[in-house]
Amino acid sequence: DASDKEIRAAWTKVYEGMAAVCSGLGEADKSLEFFQKSLDLNDNVEDAELQQATTYTNMAIVFDTQGKYDKAVEYNEKCLGVLLRELGPNDLRVAKTRGMFLAIWQSIRKRWK
């Protein structure tokens, strides 16, 4: 019999996958709903914090594509906070997340040209 933790971990991955499919189909709001469901189940999953950081990054990307730059920055900051706490400032994932701020800024510049 699968434990509650294993079931929650499986559903977290299902929701992440559904969010990715919805995002690919241009269904940003639905994608964000599935990402949020994944976060809601994430409490008891192994490596929950790092999974949460990944979900925050994915949500930031969706917000960026929607032109909701304030939300994109907010979720990228959440991701960065988790990564700094869990991995420290010298991890490559921290550098990539910092680079995401540049990508958001570039999206803002393109929009206002």
Foldseek 3Di string as FASTA:
>chain_A
DDDPQVVLQVLLVVLQVVLVVCVVVVNLVSSLVSLVSSLVSLPRYVVSLLSQLVSLQVNLVSCLVVVVLVSSVVSLVSSLVSCCVPPNCPDPVNVVSVVVNVVSVVSVVVVVD
